[in-house]
PDB file of N, CA and C in Angstrom:
ATOM      1  N   MET A   1      69.624-306.693 -79.224  1.00  0.00           N
ATOM      2  CA  MET A   1      69.678-308.142 -79.327  1.00  0.00           C
ATOM      3  C   MET A   1      69.495-308.743 -77.932  1.00  0.00           C
ATOM      4  N   PRO A   2      68.572-309.702 -77.771  1.00  0.00           N
ATOM      5  CA  PRO A   2      68.351-310.306 -76.452  1.00  0.00           C
ATOM      6  C   PRO A   2      69.547-311.147 -76.008  1.00  0.00           C
ATOM      7  N   LYS A   3      69.789-311.128 -74.702  1.00  0.00           N
ATOM      8  CA  LYS A   3      70.874-311.920 -74.131  1.00  0.00           C
ATOM      9  C   LYS A   3      70.505-313.402 -74.154  1.00  0.00           C
ATOM     10  N   VAL A   4      71.448-314.239 -74.567  1.00  0.00           N
ATOM     11  CA  VAL A   4      71.220-315.685 -74.610  1.00  0.00           C
ATOM     12  C   VAL A   4      71.444-316.252 -73.212  1.00  0.00           C
ATOM     13  N   GLN A   5      70.455-316.974 -72.711  1.00  0.00           N
ATOM     14  CA  GLN A   5      70.526-317.581 -71.381  1.00  0.00           C
ATOM     15  C   GLN A   5      71.289-318.899 -71.475  1.00  0.00           C
ATOM     16  N   PRO A   6      72.319-319.091 -70.652  1.00  0.00           N
ATOM     17  CA  PRO A   6      73.009-320.384 -70.670  1.00  0.00           C
ATOM     18  C   PRO A   6      72.118-321.468 -70.078  1.00  0.00           C
ATOM     19  N   PRO A   7      72.402-322.729 -70.355  1.00  0.00           N
ATOM     20  CA  PRO A   7      71.669-323.807 -69.687  1.00  0.00           C
ATOM     21  C   PRO A   7      71.818-323.655 -68.177  1.00  0.00           C
ATOM     22  N   GLN A   8      70.822-324.141 -67.444  1.00  0.00           N
ATOM     23  CA  GLN A   8      70.836-323.996 -65.992  1.00  0.00           C
ATOM     24  C   GLN A   8      70.462-325.296 -65.299  1.00  0.00           C
ATOM     25  N   ALA A   9      70.839-325.379 -64.033  1.00  0.00           N
ATOM     26  CA  ALA A   9      70.406-326.461 -63.145  1.00  0.00           C
ATOM     27  C   ALA A   9      69.852-325.800 -61.893  1.00  0.00           C
ATOM     28  N   LEU A  10      69.071-326.557 -61.136  1.00  0.00           N
ATOM     29  CA  LEU A  10      68.448-326.068 -59.916  1.00  0.00           C
ATOM     30  C   LEU A  10      69.056-326.796 -58.731  1.00  0.00           C
ATOM     31  N   THR A  11      69.432-326.050 -57.715  1.00  0.00           N
ATOM     32  CA  THR A  11      70.027-326.622 -56.520  1.00  0.00           C
ATOM     33  C   THR A  11      69.358-326.062 -55.279  1.00  0.00           C
ATOM     34  N   ALA A  12      69.547-326.762 -54.170  1.00  0.00           N
ATOM     35  CA  ALA A  12      69.068-326.326 -52.855  1.00  0.00           C
ATOM     36  C   ALA A  12      69.862-327.117 -51.821  1.00  0.00           C
ATOM     37  N   ASN A  13      69.574-326.855 -50.556  1.00  0.00           N
ATOM     38  CA  ASN A  13      70.169-327.632 -49.476  1.00  0.00           C
ATOM     39  C   ASN A  13      69.070-328.335 -48.698  1.00  0.00           C
ATOM     40  N   ARG A  14      69.335-329.587 -48.322  1.00  0.00           N
ATOM     41  CA  ARG A  14      68.398-330.329 -47.488  1.00  0.00           C
ATOM     42  C   ARG A  14      68.360-329.660 -46.116  1.00  0.00           C
ATOM     43  N   LEU A  15      67.182-329.348 -45.634  1.00  0.00           N
ATOM     44  CA  LEU A  15      67.041-328.610 -44.386  1.00  0.00           C
ATOM     45  C   LEU A  15      67.641-329.357 -43.196  1.00  0.00           C
ATOM     46  N   ARG A  16      67.383-330.636 -43.077  1.00  0.00           N
ATOM     47  CA  ARG A  16      67.833-331.396 -41.901  1.00  0.00           C
ATOM     48  C   ARG A  16      69.345-331.579 -41.827  1.00  0.00           C
ATOM     49  N   THR A  17      70.002-331.755 -42.960  1.00  0.00           N
ATOM     50  CA  THR A  17      71.431-332.101 -42.945  1.00  0.00           C
ATOM     51  C   THR A  17      72.331-331.064 -43.599  1.00  0.00           C
ATOM     52  N   GLY A  18      71.765-330.191 -44.405  1.00  0.00           N
ATOM     53  CA  GLY A  18      72.570-329.219 -45.144  1.00  0.00           C
ATOM     54  C   GLY A  18      73.142-329.764 -46.434  1.00  0.00           C
ATOM     55  N   ASP A  19      72.882-331.033 -46.759  1.00  0.00           N
ATOM     56  CA  ASP A  19      73.420-331.628 -47.981  1.00  0.00           C
ATOM     57  C   ASP A  19      72.983-330.839 -49.212  1.00  0.00           C
ATOM     58  N   VAL A  20      73.883-330.750 -50.175  1.00  0.00           N
ATOM     59  CA  VAL A  20      73.580-330.121 -51.458  1.00  0.00           C
ATOM     60  C   VAL A  20      72.719-331.084 -52.268  1.00  0.00           C
ATOM     61  N   LEU A  21      71.638-330.557 -52.835  1.00  0.00           N
ATOM     62  CA  LEU A  21      70.723-331.350 -53.648  1.00  0.00           C
ATOM     63  C   LEU A  21      70.536-330.695 -55.006  1.00  0.00           C
ATOM     64  N   TYR A  22      70.102-331.503 -55.974  1.00  0.00           N
ATOM     65  CA  TYR A  22      69.849-331.029 -57.338  1.00  0.00           C
ATOM     66  C   TYR A  22      68.487-331.533 -57.785  1.00  0.00           C
ATOM     67  N   TRP A  23      67.820-330.740 -58.590  1.00  0.00           N
ATOM     68  CA  TRP A  23      66.473-331.048 -59.086  1.00  0.00           C
ATOM     69  C   TRP A  23      66.533-332.002 -60.256  1.00  0.00           C
ATOM     70  N   ARG A  24      65.638-332.981 -60.235  1.00  0.00           N
ATOM     71  CA  ARG A  24      65.478-333.885 -61.374  1.00  0.00           C
ATOM     72  C   ARG A  24      64.046-334.377 -61.407  1.00  0.00           C
ATOM     73  N   GLY A  25      63.320-333.966 -62.425  1.00  0.00           N
ATOM     74  CA  GLY A  25      61.984-334.482 -62.679  1.00  0.00           C
ATOM     75  C   GLY A  25      60.999-334.329 -61.529  1.00  0.00           C
ATOM     76  N   GLY A  26      61.041-333.228 -60.830  1.00  0.00           N
ATOM     77  CA  GLY A  26      60.068-332.979 -59.784  1.00  0.00           C
ATOM     78  C   GLY A  26      60.484-333.403 -58.390  1.00  0.00           C
ATOM     79  N   ASP A  27      61.729-333.835 -58.227  1.00  0.00           N
ATOM     80  CA  ASP A  27      62.220-334.233 -56.909  1.00  0.00           C
ATOM     81  C   ASP A  27      63.712-333.893 -56.822  1.00  0.00           C
ATOM     82  N   TRP A  28      64.335-334.266 -55.738  1.00  0.00           N
ATOM     83  CA  TRP A  28      65.726-333.912 -55.490  1.00  0.00           C
ATOM     84  C   TRP A  28      66.624-335.141 -55.552  1.00  0.00           C
ATOM     85  N   VAL A  29      67.835-334.968 -56.089  1.00  0.00           N
ATOM     86  CA  VAL A  29      68.857-336.009 -56.126  1.00  0.00           C
ATOM     87  C   VAL A  29      70.117-335.458 -55.468  1.00  0.00           C
ATOM     88  N   ASP A  30      70.999-336.355 -55.043  1.00  0.00           N
ATOM     89  CA  ASP A  30      72.205-335.956 -54.314  1.00  0.00           C
ATOM     90  C   ASP A  30      73.376-335.559 -55.203  1.00  0.00           C
ATOM     91  N   SER A  31      73.365-335.945 -56.445  1.00  0.00           N
ATOM     92  CA  SER A  31      74.531-335.789 -57.304  1.00  0.00           C
ATOM     93  C   SER A  31      74.269-334.835 -58.472  1.00  0.00           C
ATOM     94  N   PHE A  32      75.225-333.956 -58.730  1.00  0.00           N
ATOM     95  CA  PHE A  32      75.093-333.079 -59.889  1.00  0.00           C
ATOM     96  C   PHE A  32      75.009-333.890 -61.180  1.00  0.00           C
ATOM     97  N   ALA A  33      75.691-335.031 -61.225  1.00  0.00           N
ATOM     98  CA  ALA A  33      75.662-335.881 -62.423  1.00  0.00           C
ATOM     99  C   ALA A  33      74.241-336.334 -62.766  1.00  0.00           C
ATOM    100  N   GLU A  34      73.350-336.369 -61.776  1.00  0.00           N
ATOM    101  CA  GLU A  34      71.966-336.778 -61.997  1.00  0.00           C
ATOM    102  C   GLU A  34      71.028-335.592 -62.201  1.00  0.00           C
ATOM    103  N   ALA A  35      71.544-334.372 -62.076  1.00  0.00           N
ATOM    104  CA  ALA A  35      70.701-333.177 -62.139  1.00  0.00           C
ATOM    105  C   ALA A  35      70.073-333.000 -63.517  1.00  0.00           C
ATOM    106  N   GLU A  36      68.861-332.477 -63.499  1.00  0.00           N
ATOM    107  CA  GLU A  36      68.188-332.106 -64.744  1.00  0.00           C
ATOM    108  C   GLU A  36      68.786-330.789 -65.228  1.00  0.00           C
ATOM    109  N   ILE A  37      69.121-330.731 -66.504  1.00  0.00           N
ATOM    110  CA  ILE A  37      69.674-329.513 -67.103  1.00  0.00           C
ATOM    111  C   ILE A  37      68.568-328.866 -67.931  1.00  0.00           C
ATOM    112  N   PHE A  38      68.375-327.588 -67.695  1.00  0.00           N
ATOM    113  CA  PHE A  38      67.323-326.840 -68.388  1.00  0.00           C
ATOM    114  C   PHE A  38      67.967-325.975 -69.462  1.00  0.00           C
ATOM    115  N   PRO A  39      67.774-326.312 -70.733  1.00  0.00           N
ATOM    116  CA  PRO A  39      68.399-325.557 -71.809  1.00  0.00           C
ATOM    117  C   PRO A  39      67.783-324.170 -72.005  1.00  0.00           C
ATOM    118  N   GLU A  40      66.548-323.997 -71.535  1.00  0.00           N
ATOM    119  CA  GLU A  40      65.865-322.709 -71.744  1.00  0.00           C
ATOM    120  C   GLU A  40      65.247-322.224 -70.441  1.00  0.00           C
ATOM    121  N   ALA A  41      65.103-320.908 -70.339  1.00  0.00           N
ATOM    122  CA  ALA A  41      64.612-320.267 -69.120  1.00  0.00           C
ATOM    123  C   ALA A  41      63.210-320.713 -68.689  1.00  0.00           C
ATOM    124  N   PRO A  42      62.250-320.894 -69.597  1.00  0.00           N
ATOM    125  CA  PRO A  42      60.909-321.272 -69.116  1.00  0.00           C
ATOM    126  C   PRO A  42      60.889-322.573 -68.305  1.00  0.00           C
ATOM    127  N   GLY A  43      61.620-323.576 -68.731  1.00  0.00           N
ATOM    128  CA  GLY A  43      61.676-324.838 -67.987  1.00  0.00           C
ATOM    129  C   GLY A  43      62.360-324.663 -66.639  1.00  0.00           C
ATOM    130  N   ALA A  44      63.431-323.885 -66.621  1.00  0.00           N
ATOM    131  CA  ALA A  44      64.149-323.620 -65.373  1.00  0.00           C
ATOM    132  C   ALA A  44      63.266-322.853 -64.403  1.00  0.00           C
ATOM    133  N   ASP A  45      62.577-321.851 -64.893  1.00  0.00           N
ATOM    134  CA  ASP A  45      61.694-321.050 -64.038  1.00  0.00           C
ATOM    135  C   ASP A  45      60.547-321.886 -63.475  1.00  0.00           C
ATOM    136  N   ALA A  46      60.011-322.792 -64.280  1.00  0.00           N
ATOM    137  CA  ALA A  46      58.933-323.666 -63.815  1.00  0.00           C
ATOM    138  C   ALA A  46      59.436-324.606 -62.713  1.00  0.00           C
ATOM    139  N   ALA A  47      60.645-325.133 -62.868  1.00  0.00           N
ATOM    140  CA  ALA A  47      61.216-326.010 -61.840  1.00  0.00           C
ATOM    141  C   ALA A  47      61.435-325.239 -60.541  1.00  0.00           C
ATOM    142  N   LEU A  48      61.949-324.026 -60.645  1.00  0.00           N
ATOM    143  CA  LEU A  48      62.170-323.201 -59.461  1.00  0.00           C
ATOM    144  C   LEU A  48      60.848-322.926 -58.745  1.00  0.00           C
ATOM    145  N   LYS A  49      59.820-322.676 -59.503  1.00  0.00           N
ATOM    146  CA  LYS A  49      58.495-322.445 -58.912  1.00  0.00           C
ATOM    147  C   LYS A  49      58.004-323.721 -58.211  1.00  0.00           C
ATOM    148  N   SER A  50      58.178-324.872 -58.836  1.00  0.00           N
ATOM    149  CA  SER A  50      57.768-326.141 -58.225  1.00  0.00           C
ATOM    150  C   SER A  50      58.550-326.436 -56.949  1.00  0.00           C
ATOM    151  N   ALA A  51      59.811-326.033 -56.927  1.00  0.00           N
ATOM    152  CA  ALA A  51      60.662-326.280 -55.763  1.00  0.00           C
ATOM    153  C   ALA A  51      60.171-325.549 -54.522  1.00  0.00           C
ATOM    154  N   GLN A  52      59.395-324.495 -54.701  1.00  0.00           N
ATOM    155  CA  GLN A  52      58.910-323.727 -53.562  1.00  0.00           C
ATOM    156  C   GLN A  52      58.016-324.561 -52.644  1.00  0.00           C
ATOM    157  N   GLN A  53      57.358-325.582 -53.175  1.00  0.00           N
ATOM    158  CA  GLN A  53      56.549-326.454 -52.317  1.00  0.00           C
ATOM    159  C   GLN A  53      57.446-327.225 -51.347  1.00  0.00           C
ATOM    160  N   PHE A  54      58.643-327.601 -51.784  1.00  0.00           N
ATOM    161  CA  PHE A  54      59.581-328.300 -50.907  1.00  0.00           C
ATOM    162  C   PHE A  54      60.092-327.376 -49.806  1.00  0.00           C
ATOM    163  N   VAL A  55      60.171-326.084 -50.111  1.00  0.00           N
ATOM    164  CA  VAL A  55      60.528-325.095 -49.093  1.00  0.00           C
ATOM    165  C   VAL A  55      59.387-324.988 -48.084  1.00  0.00           C
ATOM    166  N   ALA A  56      58.170-324.875 -48.581  1.00  0.00           N
ATOM    167  CA  ALA A  56      57.000-324.774 -47.705  1.00  0.00           C
ATOM    168  C   ALA A  56      56.857-326.016 -46.821  1.00  0.00           C
ATOM    169  N   ASP A  57      57.232-327.173 -47.352  1.00  0.00           N
ATOM    170  CA  ASP A  57      57.152-328.429 -46.602  1.00  0.00           C
ATOM    171  C   ASP A  57      58.375-328.659 -45.711  1.00  0.00           C
ATOM    172  N   ARG A  58      59.275-327.702 -45.687  1.00  0.00           N
ATOM    173  CA  ARG A  58      60.498-327.734 -44.859  1.00  0.00           C
ATOM    174  C   ARG A  58      61.397-328.928 -45.174  1.00  0.00           C
ATOM    175  N   ILE A  59      61.541-329.193 -46.459  1.00  0.00           N
ATOM    176  CA  ILE A  59      62.430-330.255 -46.917  1.00  0.00           C
ATOM    177  C   ILE A  59      63.749-329.662 -47.393  1.00  0.00           C
ATOM    178  N   VAL A  60      63.676-328.545 -48.117  1.00  0.00           N
ATOM    179  CA  VAL A  60      64.877-327.868 -48.605  1.00  0.00           C
ATOM    180  C   VAL A  60      64.827-326.381 -48.249  1.00  0.00           C
ATOM    181  N   VAL A  61      65.993-325.758 -48.345  1.00  0.00           N
ATOM    182  CA  VAL A  61      66.090-324.311 -48.187  1.00  0.00           C
ATOM    183  C   VAL A  61      66.871-323.735 -49.356  1.00  0.00           C
ATOM    184  N   ASN A  62      66.569-322.496 -49.672  1.00  0.00           N
ATOM    185  CA  ASN A  62      67.324-321.698 -50.633  1.00  0.00           C
ATOM    186  C   ASN A  62      67.486-322.323 -52.018  1.00  0.00           C
ATOM    187  N   PRO A  63      66.418-322.744 -52.659  1.00  0.00           N
ATOM    188  CA  PRO A  63      66.582-323.237 -54.035  1.00  0.00           C
ATOM    189  C   PRO A  63      66.912-322.083 -54.979  1.00  0.00           C
ATOM    190  N   TYR A  64      67.829-322.332 -55.900  1.00  0.00           N
ATOM    191  CA  TYR A  64      68.176-321.323 -56.902  1.00  0.00           C
ATOM    192  C   TYR A  64      68.745-321.990 -58.146  1.00  0.00           C
ATOM    193  N   LEU A  65      68.687-321.270 -59.232  1.00  0.00           N
ATOM    194  CA  LEU A  65      69.220-321.726 -60.519  1.00  0.00           C
ATOM    195  C   LEU A  65      70.653-321.245 -60.676  1.00  0.00           C
ATOM    196  N   PHE A  66      71.452-322.044 -61.373  1.00  0.00           N
ATOM    197  CA  PHE A  66      72.829-321.632 -61.672  1.00  0.00           C
ATOM    198  C   PHE A  66      73.206-322.108 -63.068  1.00  0.00           C
ATOM    199  N   PRO A  67      74.127-321.384 -63.722  1.00  0.00           N
ATOM    200  CA  PRO A  67      74.504-321.740 -65.090  1.00  0.00           C
ATOM    201  C   PRO A  67      75.400-322.974 -65.143  1.00  0.00           C
ATOM    202  N   VAL A  68      75.235-323.730 -66.217  1.00  0.00           N
ATOM    203  CA  VAL A  68      76.081-324.894 -66.471  1.00  0.00           C
ATOM    204  C   VAL A  68      76.668-324.795 -67.878  1.00  0.00           C
ATOM    205  N   ARG A  69      77.796-325.475 -68.056  1.00  0.00           N
ATOM    206  CA  ARG A  69      78.433-325.585 -69.372  1.00  0.00           C
ATOM    207  C   ARG A  69      78.128-326.974 -69.917  1.00  0.00           C
ATOM    208  N   LEU A  70      77.757-327.035 -71.171  1.00  0.00           N
ATOM    209  CA  LEU A  70      77.554-328.326 -71.819  1.00  0.00           C
ATOM    210  C   LEU A  70      78.777-328.618 -72.665  1.00  0.00           C
ATOM    211  N   GLU A  71      79.454-329.718 -72.364  1.00  0.00           N
ATOM    212  CA  GLU A  71      80.649-330.128 -73.085  1.00  0.00           C
ATOM    213  C   GLU A  71      80.449-331.547 -73.610  1.00  0.00           C
ATOM    214  N   THR A  72      81.390-332.022 -74.379  1.00  0.00           N
ATOM    215  CA  THR A  72      81.247-333.355 -74.975  1.00  0.00           C
ATOM    216  C   THR A  72      81.124-334.454 -73.930  1.00  0.00           C
ATOM    217  N   ASP A  73      81.705-334.254 -72.744  1.00  0.00           N
ATOM    218  CA  ASP A  73      81.623-335.271 -71.695  1.00  0.00           C
ATOM    219  C   ASP A  73      80.478-335.020 -70.716  1.00  0.00           C
ATOM    220  N   GLY A  74      79.583-334.091 -71.038  1.00  0.00           N
ATOM    221  CA  GLY A  74      78.414-333.847 -70.199  1.00  0.00           C
ATOM    222  C   GLY A  74      78.338-332.426 -69.682  1.00  0.00           C
ATOM    223  N   ALA A  75      77.465-332.227 -68.709  1.00  0.00           N
ATOM    224  CA  ALA A  75      77.250-330.907 -68.114  1.00  0.00           C
ATOM    225  C   ALA A  75      78.196-330.712 -66.932  1.00  0.00           C
ATOM    226  N   HIS A  76      78.616-329.452 -66.753  1.00  0.00           N
ATOM    227  CA  HIS A  76      79.504-329.086 -65.652  1.00  0.00           C
ATOM    228  C   HIS A  76      79.054-327.746 -65.085  1.00  0.00           C
ATOM    229  N   PRO A  77      79.125-327.563 -63.759  1.00  0.00           N
ATOM    230  CA  PRO A  77      78.822-326.246 -63.210  1.00  0.00           C
ATOM    231  C   PRO A  77      79.755-325.199 -63.829  1.00  0.00           C
ATOM    232  N   ALA A  78      79.216-324.024 -64.121  1.00  0.00           N
ATOM    233  CA  ALA A  78      79.998-322.989 -64.797  1.00  0.00           C
ATOM    234  C   ALA A  78      80.686-322.026 -63.833  1.00  0.00           C
ATOM    235  N   GLU A  79      80.291-322.034 -62.578  1.00  0.00           N
ATOM    236  CA  GLU A  79      80.847-321.089 -61.608  1.00  0.00           C
ATOM    237  C   GLU A  79      81.585-321.836 -60.506  1.00  0.00           C
ATOM    238  N   GLU A  80      82.632-321.194 -59.972  1.00  0.00           N
ATOM    239  CA  GLU A  80      83.481-321.809 -58.956  1.00  0.00           C
ATOM    240  C   GLU A  80      82.687-322.305 -57.740  1.00  0.00           C
ATOM    241  N   ARG A  81      81.768-321.505 -57.263  1.00  0.00           N
ATOM    242  CA  ARG A  81      80.972-321.895 -56.094  1.00  0.00           C
ATOM    243  C   ARG A  81      80.248-323.214 -56.340  1.00  0.00           C
ATOM    244  N   GLU A  82      79.666-323.354 -57.516  1.00  0.00           N
ATOM    245  CA  GLU A  82      78.908-324.569 -57.813  1.00  0.00           C
ATOM    246  C   GLU A  82      79.818-325.761 -58.086  1.00  0.00           C
ATOM    247  N   ILE A  83      81.002-325.510 -58.600  1.00  0.00           N
ATOM    248  CA  ILE A  83      81.984-326.594 -58.772  1.00  0.00           C
ATOM    249  C   ILE A  83      82.333-327.172 -57.398  1.00  0.00           C
ATOM    250  N   ILE A  84      82.569-326.287 -56.427  1.00  0.00           N
ATOM    251  CA  ILE A  84      82.904-326.723 -55.068  1.00  0.00           C
ATOM    252  C   ILE A  84      81.719-327.441 -54.433  1.00  0.00           C
ATOM    253  N   ARG A  85      80.519-326.891 -54.553  1.00  0.00           N
ATOM    254  CA  ARG A  85      79.332-327.511 -53.955  1.00  0.00           C
ATOM    255  C   ARG A  85      79.084-328.893 -54.556  1.00  0.00           C
ATOM    256  N   ALA A  86      79.301-329.045 -55.860  1.00  0.00           N
ATOM    257  CA  ALA A  86      79.079-330.341 -56.512  1.00  0.00           C
ATOM    258  C   ALA A  86      80.073-331.388 -56.028  1.00  0.00           C
ATOM    259  N   GLY A  87      81.277-330.937 -55.656  1.00  0.00           N
ATOM    260  CA  GLY A  87      82.305-331.862 -55.188  1.00  0.00           C
ATOM    261  C   GLY A  87      82.170-332.265 -53.746  1.00  0.00           C
ATOM    262  N   GLY A  88      81.398-331.535 -52.980  1.00  0.00           N
ATOM    263  CA  GLY A  88      81.245-331.839 -51.565  1.00  0.00           C
ATOM    264  C   GLY A  88      82.123-330.944 -50.716  1.00  0.00           C
ATOM    265  N   PRO A  89      82.084-331.110 -49.419  1.00  0.00           N
ATOM    266  CA  PRO A  89      82.861-330.247 -48.531  1.00  0.00           C
ATOM    267  C   PRO A  89      84.341-330.270 -48.895  1.00  0.00           C
ATOM    268  N   SER A  90      84.931-329.099 -48.967  1.00  0.00           N
ATOM    269  CA  SER A  90      86.334-329.000 -49.396  1.00  0.00           C
ATOM    270  C   SER A  90      87.314-329.164 -48.247  1.00  0.00           C
ATOM    271  N   ILE A  91      86.810-329.388 -47.041  1.00  0.00           N
ATOM    272  CA  ILE A  91      87.714-329.460 -45.896  1.00  0.00           C
ATOM    273  C   ILE A  91      88.206-330.875 -45.600  1.00  0.00           C
ATOM    274  N   HIS A  92      87.599-331.871 -46.223  1.00  0.00           N
ATOM    275  CA  HIS A  92      87.987-333.249 -45.910  1.00  0.00           C
ATOM    276  C   HIS A  92      87.882-334.110 -47.172  1.00  0.00           C
ATOM    277  N   PRO A  93      88.952-334.154 -47.985  1.00  0.00           N
ATOM    278  CA  PRO A  93      88.873-334.815 -49.291  1.00  0.00           C
ATOM    279  C   PRO A  93      88.671-336.327 -49.261  1.00  0.00           C
ATOM    280  N   ASN A  94      88.859-336.985 -48.113  1.00  0.00           N
ATOM    281  CA  ASN A  94      88.679-338.440 -48.099  1.00  0.00           C
ATOM    282  C   ASN A  94      87.331-338.862 -47.519  1.00  0.00           C
ATOM    283  N   LEU A  95      86.384-337.912 -47.406  1.00  0.00           N
ATOM    284  CA  LEU A  95      85.041-338.223 -46.938  1.00  0.00           C
ATOM    285  C   LEU A  95      84.006-337.700 -47.921  1.00  0.00           C
ATOM    286  N   GLY A  96      82.822-338.253 -47.863  1.00  0.00           N
ATOM    287  CA  GLY A  96      81.689-337.730 -48.607  1.00  0.00           C
ATOM    288  C   GLY A  96      81.818-337.830 -50.115  1.00  0.00           C
ATOM    289  N   LYS A  97      81.249-336.856 -50.804  1.00  0.00           N
ATOM    290  CA  LYS A  97      81.186-336.855 -52.263  1.00  0.00           C
ATOM    291  C   LYS A  97      82.581-336.858 -52.885  1.00  0.00           C
ATOM    292  N   GLN A  98      83.520-336.164 -52.285  1.00  0.00           N
ATOM    293  CA  GLN A  98      84.859-336.117 -52.856  1.00  0.00           C
ATOM    294  C   GLN A  98      85.505-337.490 -52.878  1.00  0.00           C
ATOM    295  N   ALA A  99      85.377-338.230 -51.809  1.00  0.00           N
ATOM    296  CA  ALA A  99      85.963-339.568 -51.751  1.00  0.00           C
ATOM    297  C   ALA A  99      85.283-340.500 -52.742  1.00  0.00           C
ATOM    298  N   ALA A 100      83.970-340.385 -52.838  1.00  0.00           N
ATOM    299  CA  ALA A 100      83.216-341.276 -53.731  1.00  0.00           C
ATOM    300  C   ALA A 100      83.520-341.009 -55.189  1.00  0.00           C
ATOM    301  N   ARG A 101      83.818-339.772 -55.526  1.00  0.00           N
ATOM    302  CA  ARG A 101      84.032-339.417 -56.925  1.00  0.00           C
ATOM    303  C   ARG A 101      85.473-339.044 -57.245  1.00  0.00           C
ATOM    304  N   HIS A 102      86.335-339.124 -56.257  1.00  0.00           N
ATOM    305  CA  HIS A 102      87.747-338.769 -56.440  1.00  0.00           C
ATOM    306  C   HIS A 102      87.894-337.369 -57.002  1.00  0.00           C
ATOM    307  N   VAL A 103      87.156-336.425 -56.413  1.00  0.00           N
ATOM    308  CA  VAL A 103      87.217-335.032 -56.839  1.00  0.00           C
ATOM    309  C   VAL A 103      88.434-334.387 -56.203  1.00  0.00           C
ATOM    310  N   PRO A 104      89.349-333.803 -56.985  1.00  0.00           N
ATOM    311  CA  PRO A 104      90.509-333.156 -56.373  1.00  0.00           C
ATOM    312  C   PRO A 104      90.113-331.889 -55.618  1.00  0.00           C
ATOM    313  N   VAL A 105      90.842-331.610 -54.552  1.00  0.00           N
ATOM    314  CA  VAL A 105      90.584-330.415 -53.765  1.00  0.00           C
ATOM    315  C   VAL A 105      91.397-329.261 -54.310  1.00  0.00           C
TER     316      VAL A 105
END
């Protein structure tokens, strides 16, 4: 029986600042809440392939796919690392993404 692939999102870091970015419709957004969710592997793989041009253009580094959970209140990162990255730097809870979204540390 083939393994079922969970939904995925695509992330990378902005080369100049290190900010965490998410893929949406052929470009990058700053917030996981705006990220495009790929329910199936072919769409996710195509986005990852498209993201390579942004690497070549030195806009982002290290694009990769990660699993997400779909719940009644929306999509959420499924792994601890991505939960932390989506919330912003964990060393200063009153700055950046954490302050804007009131993400607990």
